[in-house]
Amino acid sequence: MTPLDPRFVRKLSLLCCHCVRNIAYYHVGFIGEDGTGDLKHPSEFGVTVNGNMLDIDVLEWCKLFADGKARHHWKRFVRKDTDQHQFLAGLLTTAEISLDDWKRYLDEMRVYRDKFVAHLDDQHVMKIPRLELALKCVFFSMLTCEQRRLPRFSSRHIWPIFPMIWRLTMTLVVPKDVPTMQRQGLQTDNGKTTEAVMANHLLYEFRQDEQDDFSAVCKKYGRSVDEFDVRDEDQYPAGGAVGPIRREVTVALRGKDAMKLYDGGHVSRWIVDFEDDLKAGVFD
């Protein structure tokens, strides 16, 4: 099995998260929060924002599934023919559809993207795709990617991550019948999972990679990681509301006043900024 480049995995994982977030925002814009019926805000602004969420999600989803030449198409991380057949079979089973249903759905997403979003052709009737199937596909894709990246874990350990992503964006109750989550203590007494616990769980593996990158940068410039204090903080919206999470990383030189605050929103960008500062002598 060919190992995956951690940076590729990060981008793929973020792309999956973008898909889930936009589906959630699109759904929650409706009164029933299921993508059907009347909008909560039927103004021109509300209609435009809701439609934009749909358009962006279709564009992002097609990068993963509908465009075979795309950099992050699923066949880029499932490379062997036998593995690809197994992946597709697992996806169809998870989504509870046939191969013909899958091909029709791919065509439906491509038509919406090509004829009404990326371009504007002369078709007069627009069919808006349902996104429940898209969501299942994204979850399955990320599960497979994480299993390839973390072979010591089974799906029993990884599946609980996906309700967490959904809960972060839609304020939904995570299903109570997920025993792994209960064993890990990720549920509060009322059965709802807190945003802080979920975000920390979701970002944990990303940060393991960052620790390795941080060590590599220090070694490159003849420094030791023990010279630095690194503090990692997530800033949550006031009142515990669901919203954008701002991540900040503080690096301080032990025993001296040299300290720098980095925007950790981009999973690997702050490492690059730290290296630039190290080169510039900020921590000398």
C-alpha atoms as a PDB file:
ATOM      1  CA  MET A   1       0.000   0.000   0.000  1.00  0.00           C
ATOM      2  CA  THR A   2       1.540   3.312  -1.118  1.00  0.00           C
ATOM      3  CA  PRO A   3       1.830   5.768   1.792  1.00  0.00           C
ATOM      4  CA  LEU A   4      -0.001   9.065   1.412  1.00  0.00           C
ATOM      5  CA  ASP A   5       1.707  12.442   1.552  1.00  0.00           C
ATOM      6  CA  PRO A   6       0.495  14.130   4.782  1.00  0.00           C
ATOM      7  CA  ARG A   7       0.089  17.462   2.977  1.00  0.00           C
ATOM      8  CA  PHE A   8      -2.115  15.800   0.373  1.00  0.00           C
ATOM      9  CA  VAL A   9      -4.185  14.246   3.164  1.00  0.00           C
ATOM     10  CA  ARG A  10      -4.622  17.641   4.810  1.00  0.00           C
ATOM     11  CA  LYS A  11      -5.932  19.229   1.634  1.00  0.00           C
ATOM     12  CA  LEU A  12      -8.197  16.282   0.938  1.00  0.00           C
ATOM     13  CA  SER A  13      -9.557  16.355   4.491  1.00  0.00           C
ATOM     14  CA  LEU A  14     -10.155  20.105   4.336  1.00  0.00           C
ATOM     15  CA  LEU A  15     -11.948  19.672   1.015  1.00  0.00           C
ATOM     16  CA  CYS A  16     -14.206  17.063   2.626  1.00  0.00           C
ATOM     17  CA  CYS A  17     -14.889  19.447   5.512  1.00  0.00           C
ATOM     18  CA  HIS A  18     -15.724  22.266   3.068  1.00  0.00           C
ATOM     19  CA  CYS A  19     -18.286  19.982   1.424  1.00  0.00           C
ATOM     20  CA  VAL A  20     -19.898  19.018   4.721  1.00  0.00           C
ATOM     21  CA  ARG A  21     -19.987  22.611   5.964  1.00  0.00           C
ATOM     22  CA  ASN A  22     -21.631  23.957   2.815  1.00  0.00           C
ATOM     23  CA  ILE A  23     -24.221  21.170   2.789  1.00  0.00           C
ATOM     24  CA  ALA A  24     -25.010  21.981   6.419  1.00  0.00           C
ATOM     25  CA  TYR A  25     -25.322  25.716   5.742  1.00  0.00           C
ATOM     26  CA  TYR A  26     -27.512  25.038   2.718  1.00  0.00           C
ATOM     27  CA  HIS A  27     -29.830  22.701   4.633  1.00  0.00           C
ATOM     28  CA  VAL A  28     -30.114  24.889   7.714  1.00  0.00           C
ATOM     29  CA  GLY A  29     -31.301  27.779   5.545  1.00  0.00           C
ATOM     30  CA  PHE A  30     -34.651  26.026   5.154  1.00  0.00           C
ATOM     31  CA  ILE A  31     -37.352  25.996   7.810  1.00  0.00           C
ATOM     32  CA  GLY A  32     -37.260  22.195   7.939  1.00  0.00           C
ATOM     33  CA  GLU A  33     -33.431  22.235   7.844  1.00  0.00           C
ATOM     34  CA  ASP A  34     -33.454  19.429   5.285  1.00  0.00           C
ATOM     35  CA  GLY A  35     -32.991  21.317   2.026  1.00  0.00           C
ATOM     36  CA  THR A  36     -36.685  21.352   1.126  1.00  0.00           C
ATOM     37  CA  GLY A  37     -39.650  23.666   1.635  1.00  0.00           C
ATOM     38  CA  ASP A  38     -39.541  27.371   2.417  1.00  0.00           C
ATOM     39  CA  LEU A  39     -36.454  29.368   3.313  1.00  0.00           C
ATOM     40  CA  LYS A  40     -36.080  30.883   6.769  1.00  0.00           C
ATOM     41  CA  HIS A  41     -35.040  34.157   5.121  1.00  0.00           C
ATOM     42  CA  PRO A  42     -36.857  34.443   1.772  1.00  0.00           C
ATOM     43  CA  SER A  43     -35.355  37.861   1.015  1.00  0.00           C
ATOM     44  CA  GLU A  44     -33.173  38.451  -2.033  1.00  0.00           C
ATOM     45  CA  PHE A  45     -30.133  38.276   0.226  1.00  0.00           C
ATOM     46  CA  GLY A  46     -31.277  35.032   1.870  1.00  0.00           C
ATOM     47  CA  VAL A  47     -32.009  33.357  -1.459  1.00  0.00           C
ATOM     48  CA  THR A  48     -28.628  34.400  -2.861  1.00  0.00           C
ATOM     49  CA  VAL A  49     -26.644  33.187   0.154  1.00  0.00           C
ATOM     50  CA  ASN A  50     -28.518  29.884   0.234  1.00  0.00           C
ATOM     51  CA  GLY A  51     -27.960  29.320  -3.473  1.00  0.00           C
ATOM     52  CA  ASN A  52     -24.276  30.129  -3.143  1.00  0.00           C
ATOM     53  CA  MET A  53     -23.877  27.404  -0.514  1.00  0.00           C
ATOM     54  CA  LEU A  54     -25.370  24.891  -2.934  1.00  0.00           C
ATOM     55  CA  ASP A  55     -23.174  26.027  -5.822  1.00  0.00           C
ATOM     56  CA  ILE A  56     -19.947  25.917  -3.825  1.00  0.00           C
ATOM     57  CA  ASP A  57     -20.750  22.488  -2.441  1.00  0.00           C
ATOM     58  CA  VAL A  58     -21.383  21.045  -5.912  1.00  0.00           C
ATOM     59  CA  LEU A  59     -18.094  22.518  -7.146  1.00  0.00           C
ATOM     60  CA  GLU A  60     -16.170  21.088  -4.184  1.00  0.00           C
ATOM     61  CA  TRP A  61     -17.900  17.711  -4.345  1.00  0.00           C
ATOM     62  CA  CYS A  62     -17.132  17.327  -8.041  1.00  0.00           C
ATOM     63  CA  LYS A  63     -13.426  17.778  -7.263  1.00  0.00           C
ATOM     64  CA  LEU A  64     -13.671  14.675  -5.094  1.00  0.00           C
ATOM     65  CA  PHE A  65     -15.943  12.470  -7.188  1.00  0.00           C
ATOM     66  CA  ALA A  66     -17.057  13.757 -10.580  1.00  0.00           C
ATOM     67  CA  ASP A  67     -13.846  15.024 -12.188  1.00  0.00           C
ATOM     68  CA  GLY A  68     -11.433  12.150 -12.756  1.00  0.00           C
ATOM     69  CA  LYS A  69      -8.629  14.545 -13.692  1.00  0.00           C
ATOM     70  CA  ALA A  70      -8.946  16.661 -10.544  1.00  0.00           C
ATOM     71  CA  ARG A  71      -5.986  16.745  -8.166  1.00  0.00           C
ATOM     72  CA  HIS A  72      -8.022  15.418  -5.236  1.00  0.00           C
ATOM     73  CA  HIS A  73     -10.303  12.941  -7.001  1.00  0.00           C
ATOM     74  CA  TRP A  74     -10.726   9.784  -4.929  1.00  0.00           C
ATOM     75  CA  LYS A  75      -8.696   7.715  -7.406  1.00  0.00           C
ATOM     76  CA  ARG A  76      -5.667   9.839  -6.502  1.00  0.00           C
ATOM     77  CA  PHE A  77      -5.488   8.258  -3.065  1.00  0.00           C
ATOM     78  CA  VAL A  78      -7.003   4.879  -3.971  1.00  0.00           C
ATOM     79  CA  ARG A  79      -4.625   4.016  -6.787  1.00  0.00           C
ATOM     80  CA  LYS A  80      -4.694   0.263  -7.404  1.00  0.00           C
ATOM     81  CA  ASP A  81      -7.485  -1.166  -9.559  1.00  0.00           C
ATOM     82  CA  THR A  82      -8.441  -3.739  -6.929  1.00  0.00           C
ATOM     83  CA  ASP A  83      -8.558  -1.057  -4.231  1.00  0.00           C
ATOM     84  CA  GLN A  84     -10.651   1.205  -6.465  1.00  0.00           C
ATOM     85  CA  HIS A  85     -13.199  -1.550  -7.047  1.00  0.00           C
ATOM     86  CA  GLN A  86     -13.332  -2.157  -3.302  1.00  0.00           C
ATOM     87  CA  PHE A  87     -13.727   1.565  -2.587  1.00  0.00           C
ATOM     88  CA  LEU A  88     -16.577   1.952  -5.066  1.00  0.00           C
ATOM     89  CA  ALA A  89     -18.321  -1.165  -3.745  1.00  0.00           C
ATOM     90  CA  GLY A  90     -18.047   0.167  -0.195  1.00  0.00           C
ATOM     91  CA  LEU A  91     -19.336   3.580  -1.235  1.00  0.00           C
ATOM     92  CA  LEU A  92     -22.364   2.067  -2.987  1.00  0.00           C
ATOM     93  CA  THR A  93     -23.119  -0.095   0.039  1.00  0.00           C
ATOM     94  CA  THR A  94     -22.794   2.843   2.431  1.00  0.00           C
ATOM     95  CA  ALA A  95     -24.959   5.083   0.251  1.00  0.00           C
ATOM     96  CA  GLU A  96     -27.468   2.250  -0.373  1.00  0.00           C
ATOM     97  CA  ILE A  97     -27.518   2.771  -4.134  1.00  0.00           C
ATOM     98  CA  SER A  98     -26.734   0.738  -7.245  1.00  0.00           C
ATOM     99  CA  LEU A  99     -23.951   1.414  -9.732  1.00  0.00           C
ATOM    100  CA  ASP A 100     -26.510   2.793 -12.196  1.00  0.00           C
ATOM    101  CA  ASP A 101     -27.859   5.130  -9.497  1.00  0.00           C
ATOM    102  CA  TRP A 102     -24.314   6.307  -8.835  1.00  0.00           C
ATOM    103  CA  LYS A 103     -23.643   7.042 -12.499  1.00  0.00           C
ATOM    104  CA  ARG A 104     -26.914   8.972 -12.777  1.00  0.00           C
ATOM    105  CA  TYR A 105     -26.040  11.008  -9.698  1.00  0.00           C
ATOM    106  CA  LEU A 106     -22.597  11.833 -11.080  1.00  0.00           C
ATOM    107  CA  ASP A 107     -24.221  13.036 -14.309  1.00  0.00           C
ATOM    108  CA  GLU A 108     -26.741  15.088 -12.344  1.00  0.00           C
ATOM    109  CA  MET A 109     -24.001  16.836 -10.358  1.00  0.00           C
ATOM    110  CA  ARG A 110     -21.883  17.420 -13.476  1.00  0.00           C
ATOM    111  CA  VAL A 111     -24.806  18.898 -15.402  1.00  0.00           C
ATOM    112  CA  TYR A 112     -25.625  21.297 -12.573  1.00  0.00           C
ATOM    113  CA  ARG A 113     -21.969  22.305 -12.279  1.00  0.00           C
ATOM    114  CA  ASP A 114     -21.220  22.604 -16.002  1.00  0.00           C
ATOM    115  CA  LYS A 115     -24.482  24.076 -17.267  1.00  0.00           C
ATOM    116  CA  PHE A 116     -25.499  26.420 -14.443  1.00  0.00           C
ATOM    117  CA  VAL A 117     -22.531  27.146 -12.130  1.00  0.00           C
ATOM    118  CA  ALA A 118     -19.187  27.009 -13.937  1.00  0.00           C
ATOM    119  CA  HIS A 119     -20.853  28.029 -17.217  1.00  0.00           C
ATOM    120  CA  LEU A 120     -24.276  29.232 -18.284  1.00  0.00           C
ATOM    121  CA  ASP A 121     -25.620  27.293 -21.246  1.00  0.00           C
ATOM    122  CA  ASP A 122     -28.949  27.570 -23.009  1.00  0.00           C
ATOM    123  CA  GLN A 123     -30.805  24.948 -20.965  1.00  0.00           C
ATOM    124  CA  HIS A 124     -34.065  26.346 -19.603  1.00  0.00           C
ATOM    125  CA  VAL A 125     -34.781  23.861 -16.797  1.00  0.00           C
ATOM    126  CA  MET A 126     -32.410  23.536 -13.845  1.00  0.00           C
ATOM    127  CA  LYS A 127     -32.601  20.411 -11.686  1.00  0.00           C
ATOM    128  CA  ILE A 128     -31.222  21.102  -8.218  1.00  0.00           C
ATOM    129  CA  PRO A 129     -29.427  17.984  -6.930  1.00  0.00           C
ATOM    130  CA  ARG A 130     -30.285  16.514  -3.559  1.00  0.00           C
ATOM    131  CA  LEU A 131     -27.283  16.544  -1.253  1.00  0.00           C
ATOM    132  CA  GLU A 132     -27.974  13.674   1.153  1.00  0.00           C
ATOM    133  CA  LEU A 133     -26.138  11.259  -1.136  1.00  0.00           C
ATOM    134  CA  ALA A 134     -23.287  13.736  -1.587  1.00  0.00           C
ATOM    135  CA  LEU A 135     -22.893  13.889   2.194  1.00  0.00           C
ATOM    136  CA  LYS A 136     -22.687  10.097   2.553  1.00  0.00           C
ATOM    137  CA  CYS A 137     -20.052   9.946  -0.181  1.00  0.00           C
ATOM    138  CA  VAL A 138     -17.902  12.590   1.492  1.00  0.00           C
ATOM    139  CA  PHE A 139     -18.062  10.808   4.847  1.00  0.00           C
ATOM    140  CA  PHE A 140     -17.084   7.516   3.220  1.00  0.00           C
ATOM    141  CA  SER A 141     -14.232   9.134   1.293  1.00  0.00           C
ATOM    142  CA  MET A 142     -12.760  10.724   4.406  1.00  0.00           C
ATOM    143  CA  LEU A 143     -13.129   7.475   6.332  1.00  0.00           C
ATOM    144  CA  THR A 144     -11.156   5.635   3.652  1.00  0.00           C
ATOM    145  CA  CYS A 145      -8.501   8.324   3.540  1.00  0.00           C
ATOM    146  CA  GLU A 146      -8.058   8.256   7.311  1.00  0.00           C
ATOM    147  CA  GLN A 147      -7.832   4.455   7.320  1.00  0.00           C
ATOM    148  CA  ARG A 148      -5.085   4.653   4.676  1.00  0.00           C
ATOM    149  CA  ARG A 149      -3.303   7.297   6.716  1.00  0.00           C
ATOM    150  CA  LEU A 150      -3.867   5.675  10.114  1.00  0.00           C
ATOM    151  CA  PRO A 151      -3.933   1.920   9.413  1.00  0.00           C
ATOM    152  CA  ARG A 152      -3.798   1.076  13.116  1.00  0.00           C
ATOM    153  CA  PHE A 153      -7.313   2.484  13.476  1.00  0.00           C
ATOM    154  CA  SER A 154     -10.424   0.736  12.249  1.00  0.00           C
ATOM    155  CA  SER A 155     -13.675   2.282  11.079  1.00  0.00           C
ATOM    156  CA  ARG A 156     -14.981   1.766  14.618  1.00  0.00           C
ATOM    157  CA  HIS A 157     -12.571   4.468  15.788  1.00  0.00           C
ATOM    158  CA  ILE A 158     -12.935   6.852  12.851  1.00  0.00           C
ATOM    159  CA  TRP A 159     -16.672   6.914  12.050  1.00  0.00           C
ATOM    160  CA  PRO A 160     -17.509   9.004  15.161  1.00  0.00           C
ATOM    161  CA  ILE A 161     -15.532  11.917  13.680  1.00  0.00           C
ATOM    162  CA  PHE A 162     -18.153  12.552  11.012  1.00  0.00           C
ATOM    163  CA  PRO A 163     -21.153  13.279  13.251  1.00  0.00           C
ATOM    164  CA  MET A 164     -18.800  15.709  14.997  1.00  0.00           C
ATOM    165  CA  ILE A 165     -18.186  17.652  11.795  1.00  0.00           C
ATOM    166  CA  TRP A 166     -21.921  17.754  11.126  1.00  0.00           C
ATOM    167  CA  ARG A 167     -22.705  18.827  14.703  1.00  0.00           C
ATOM    168  CA  LEU A 168     -20.198  21.669  14.492  1.00  0.00           C
ATOM    169  CA  THR A 169     -21.960  23.177  11.508  1.00  0.00           C
ATOM    170  CA  MET A 170     -25.633  22.338  12.060  1.00  0.00           C
ATOM    171  CA  THR A 171     -26.095  22.140  15.844  1.00  0.00           C
ATOM    172  CA  LEU A 172     -27.600  18.695  15.416  1.00  0.00           C
ATOM    173  CA  VAL A 173     -27.831  16.119  18.187  1.00  0.00           C
ATOM    174  CA  VAL A 174     -25.227  13.427  17.594  1.00  0.00           C
ATOM    175  CA  PRO A 175     -26.914   9.990  17.493  1.00  0.00           C
ATOM    176  CA  LYS A 176     -26.917   8.419  20.935  1.00  0.00           C
ATOM    177  CA  ASP A 177     -26.400   4.917  19.535  1.00  0.00           C
ATOM    178  CA  VAL A 178     -22.709   5.460  18.757  1.00  0.00           C
ATOM    179  CA  PRO A 179     -21.019   3.415  21.498  1.00  0.00           C
ATOM    180  CA  THR A 180     -17.478   4.512  20.582  1.00  0.00           C
ATOM    181  CA  MET A 181     -18.375   8.135  21.260  1.00  0.00           C
ATOM    182  CA  GLN A 182     -19.852   7.211  24.622  1.00  0.00           C
ATOM    183  CA  ARG A 183     -16.737   5.251  25.585  1.00  0.00           C
ATOM    184  CA  GLN A 184     -14.548   8.189  24.650  1.00  0.00           C
ATOM    185  CA  GLY A 185     -16.613  10.504  26.834  1.00  0.00           C
ATOM    186  CA  LEU A 186     -17.672  12.736  23.974  1.00  0.00           C
ATOM    187  CA  GLN A 187     -21.274  13.084  25.128  1.00  0.00           C
ATOM    188  CA  THR A 188     -22.606  15.350  27.835  1.00  0.00           C
ATOM    189  CA  ASP A 189     -25.466  14.381  30.123  1.00  0.00           C
ATOM    190  CA  ASN A 190     -28.086  15.726  27.744  1.00  0.00           C
ATOM    191  CA  GLY A 191     -26.735  13.658  24.839  1.00  0.00           C
ATOM    192  CA  LYS A 192     -25.280  16.591  22.934  1.00  0.00           C
ATOM    193  CA  THR A 193     -21.615  16.899  22.101  1.00  0.00           C
ATOM    194  CA  THR A 194     -19.873  20.175  22.893  1.00  0.00           C
ATOM    195  CA  GLU A 195     -18.218  22.122  20.107  1.00  0.00           C
ATOM    196  CA  ALA A 196     -14.923  22.334  22.004  1.00  0.00           C
ATOM    197  CA  VAL A 197     -14.552  18.583  22.523  1.00  0.00           C
ATOM    198  CA  MET A 198     -15.460  17.831  18.915  1.00  0.00           C
ATOM    199  CA  ALA A 199     -13.120  20.401  17.428  1.00  0.00           C
ATOM    200  CA  ASN A 200     -10.211  19.196  19.522  1.00  0.00           C
ATOM    201  CA  HIS A 201     -10.921  15.574  18.526  1.00  0.00           C
ATOM    202  CA  LEU A 202     -11.167  16.493  14.862  1.00  0.00           C
ATOM    203  CA  LEU A 203      -7.938  18.511  14.812  1.00  0.00           C
ATOM    204  CA  TYR A 204      -5.926  16.055  16.905  1.00  0.00           C
ATOM    205  CA  GLU A 205      -4.383  14.109  14.048  1.00  0.00           C
ATOM    206  CA  PHE A 206      -3.653  17.282  12.087  1.00  0.00           C
ATOM    207  CA  ARG A 207      -1.692  18.603  15.031  1.00  0.00           C
ATOM    208  CA  GLN A 208       0.339  15.424  15.296  1.00  0.00           C
ATOM    209  CA  ASP A 209       1.628  16.177  11.810  1.00  0.00           C
ATOM    210  CA  GLU A 210       2.313  19.765  12.799  1.00  0.00           C
ATOM    211  CA  GLN A 211       4.455  18.632  15.700  1.00  0.00           C
ATOM    212  CA  ASP A 212       6.571  16.621  13.271  1.00  0.00           C
ATOM    213  CA  ASP A 213       6.846  19.611  10.907  1.00  0.00           C
ATOM    214  CA  PHE A 214       7.787  21.905  13.808  1.00  0.00           C
ATOM    215  CA  SER A 215      10.538  19.502  14.888  1.00  0.00           C
ATOM    216  CA  ALA A 216      11.840  19.253  11.320  1.00  0.00           C
ATOM    217  CA  VAL A 217      12.066  23.046  10.984  1.00  0.00           C
ATOM    218  CA  CYS A 218      13.921  23.350  14.298  1.00  0.00           C
ATOM    219  CA  LYS A 219      16.354  20.618  13.278  1.00  0.00           C
ATOM    220  CA  LYS A 220      16.916  22.292   9.899  1.00  0.00           C
ATOM    221  CA  TYR A 221      18.223  25.423  11.629  1.00  0.00           C
ATOM    222  CA  GLY A 222      20.135  23.645  14.368  1.00  0.00           C
ATOM    223  CA  ARG A 223      17.583  24.407  17.076  1.00  0.00           C
ATOM    224  CA  SER A 224      15.901  22.127  19.592  1.00  0.00           C
ATOM    225  CA  VAL A 225      12.158  21.962  20.163  1.00  0.00           C
ATOM    226  CA  ASP A 226      12.948  22.139  23.889  1.00  0.00           C
ATOM    227  CA  GLU A 227      13.978  25.770  23.394  1.00  0.00           C
ATOM    228  CA  PHE A 228      10.389  26.765  22.686  1.00  0.00           C
ATOM    229  CA  ASP A 229       7.059  26.857  24.459  1.00  0.00           C
ATOM    230  CA  VAL A 230       4.199  26.271  22.022  1.00  0.00           C
ATOM    231  CA  ARG A 231       0.644  27.071  23.093  1.00  0.00           C
ATOM    232  CA  ASP A 232      -2.284  26.096  20.904  1.00  0.00           C
ATOM    233  CA  GLU A 233      -5.691  27.675  21.491  1.00  0.00           C
ATOM    234  CA  ASP A 234      -9.058  27.570  19.784  1.00  0.00           C
ATOM    235  CA  GLN A 235     -11.212  30.674  20.129  1.00  0.00           C
ATOM    236  CA  TYR A 236     -14.902  29.734  20.084  1.00  0.00           C
ATOM    237  CA  PRO A 237     -17.854  32.020  19.365  1.00  0.00           C
ATOM    238  CA  ALA A 238     -19.281  33.810  22.393  1.00  0.00           C
ATOM    239  CA  GLY A 239     -21.991  31.965  24.278  1.00  0.00           C
ATOM    240  CA  GLY A 240     -21.051  28.587  22.822  1.00  0.00           C
ATOM    241  CA  ALA A 241     -22.833  29.275  19.538  1.00  0.00           C
ATOM    242  CA  VAL A 242     -21.815  27.344  16.481  1.00  0.00           C
ATOM    243  CA  GLY A 243     -19.666  29.442  14.190  1.00  0.00           C
ATOM    244  CA  PRO A 244     -16.168  29.960  12.844  1.00  0.00           C
ATOM    245  CA  ILE A 245     -13.446  28.688  15.158  1.00  0.00           C
ATOM    246  CA  ARG A 246     -10.345  30.855  15.287  1.00  0.00           C
ATOM    247  CA  ARG A 247      -7.179  28.993  16.091  1.00  0.00           C
ATOM    248  CA  GLU A 248      -4.105  30.765  17.464  1.00  0.00           C
ATOM    249  CA  VAL A 249      -0.636  29.335  18.036  1.00  0.00           C
ATOM    250  CA  THR A 250       1.837  31.116  20.326  1.00  0.00           C
ATOM    251  CA  VAL A 251       5.550  30.289  20.126  1.00  0.00           C
ATOM    252  CA  ALA A 252       7.832  31.682  22.850  1.00  0.00           C
ATOM    253  CA  LEU A 253      11.580  31.293  23.376  1.00  0.00           C
ATOM    254  CA  ARG A 254      12.146  29.907  26.856  1.00  0.00           C
ATOM    255  CA  GLY A 255      13.969  32.228  29.216  1.00  0.00           C
ATOM    256  CA  LYS A 256      13.738  35.189  26.840  1.00  0.00           C
ATOM    257  CA  ASP A 257      11.164  37.739  25.744  1.00  0.00           C
ATOM    258  CA  ALA A 258      11.015  36.555  22.127  1.00  0.00           C
ATOM    259  CA  MET A 259       7.440  35.515  21.404  1.00  0.00           C
ATOM    260  CA  LYS A 260       5.238  35.400  18.306  1.00  0.00           C
ATOM    261  CA  LEU A 261       1.517  34.831  17.779  1.00  0.00           C
ATOM    262  CA  TYR A 262       0.502  32.954  14.628  1.00  0.00           C
ATOM    263  CA  ASP A 263      -2.836  32.473  12.922  1.00  0.00           C
ATOM    264  CA  GLY A 264      -3.317  28.715  13.068  1.00  0.00           C
ATOM    265  CA  GLY A 265      -6.438  28.691  10.900  1.00  0.00           C
ATOM    266  CA  HIS A 266      -4.483  27.167   8.043  1.00  0.00           C
ATOM    267  CA  VAL A 267      -3.271  23.817   9.293  1.00  0.00           C
ATOM    268  CA  SER A 268       0.304  24.137   8.018  1.00  0.00           C
ATOM    269  CA  ARG A 269       0.720  27.842   7.221  1.00  0.00           C
ATOM    270  CA  TRP A 270       1.880  28.871  10.690  1.00  0.00           C
ATOM    271  CA  ILE A 271       4.794  26.416  10.442  1.00  0.00           C
ATOM    272  CA  VAL A 272       5.984  28.247   7.314  1.00  0.00           C
ATOM    273  CA  ASP A 273       5.625  31.602   9.090  1.00  0.00           C
ATOM    274  CA  PHE A 274       7.563  30.244  12.060  1.00  0.00           C
ATOM    275  CA  GLU A 275      10.374  29.095   9.753  1.00  0.00           C
ATOM    276  CA  ASP A 276      10.536  32.568   8.183  1.00  0.00           C
ATOM    277  CA  ASP A 277      10.820  34.144  11.639  1.00  0.00           C
ATOM    278  CA  LEU A 278      13.468  31.625  12.655  1.00  0.00           C
ATOM    279  CA  LYS A 279      15.462  32.529   9.550  1.00  0.00           C
ATOM    280  CA  ALA A 280      15.037  36.242  10.258  1.00  0.00           C
ATOM    281  CA  GLY A 281      16.449  35.864  13.776  1.00  0.00           C
ATOM    282  CA  VAL A 282      13.247  36.663  15.661  1.00  0.00           C
ATOM    283  CA  PHE A 283      14.032  33.881  18.148  1.00  0.00           C
ATOM    284  CA  ASP A 284      17.775  34.554  18.541  1.00  0.00           C
END
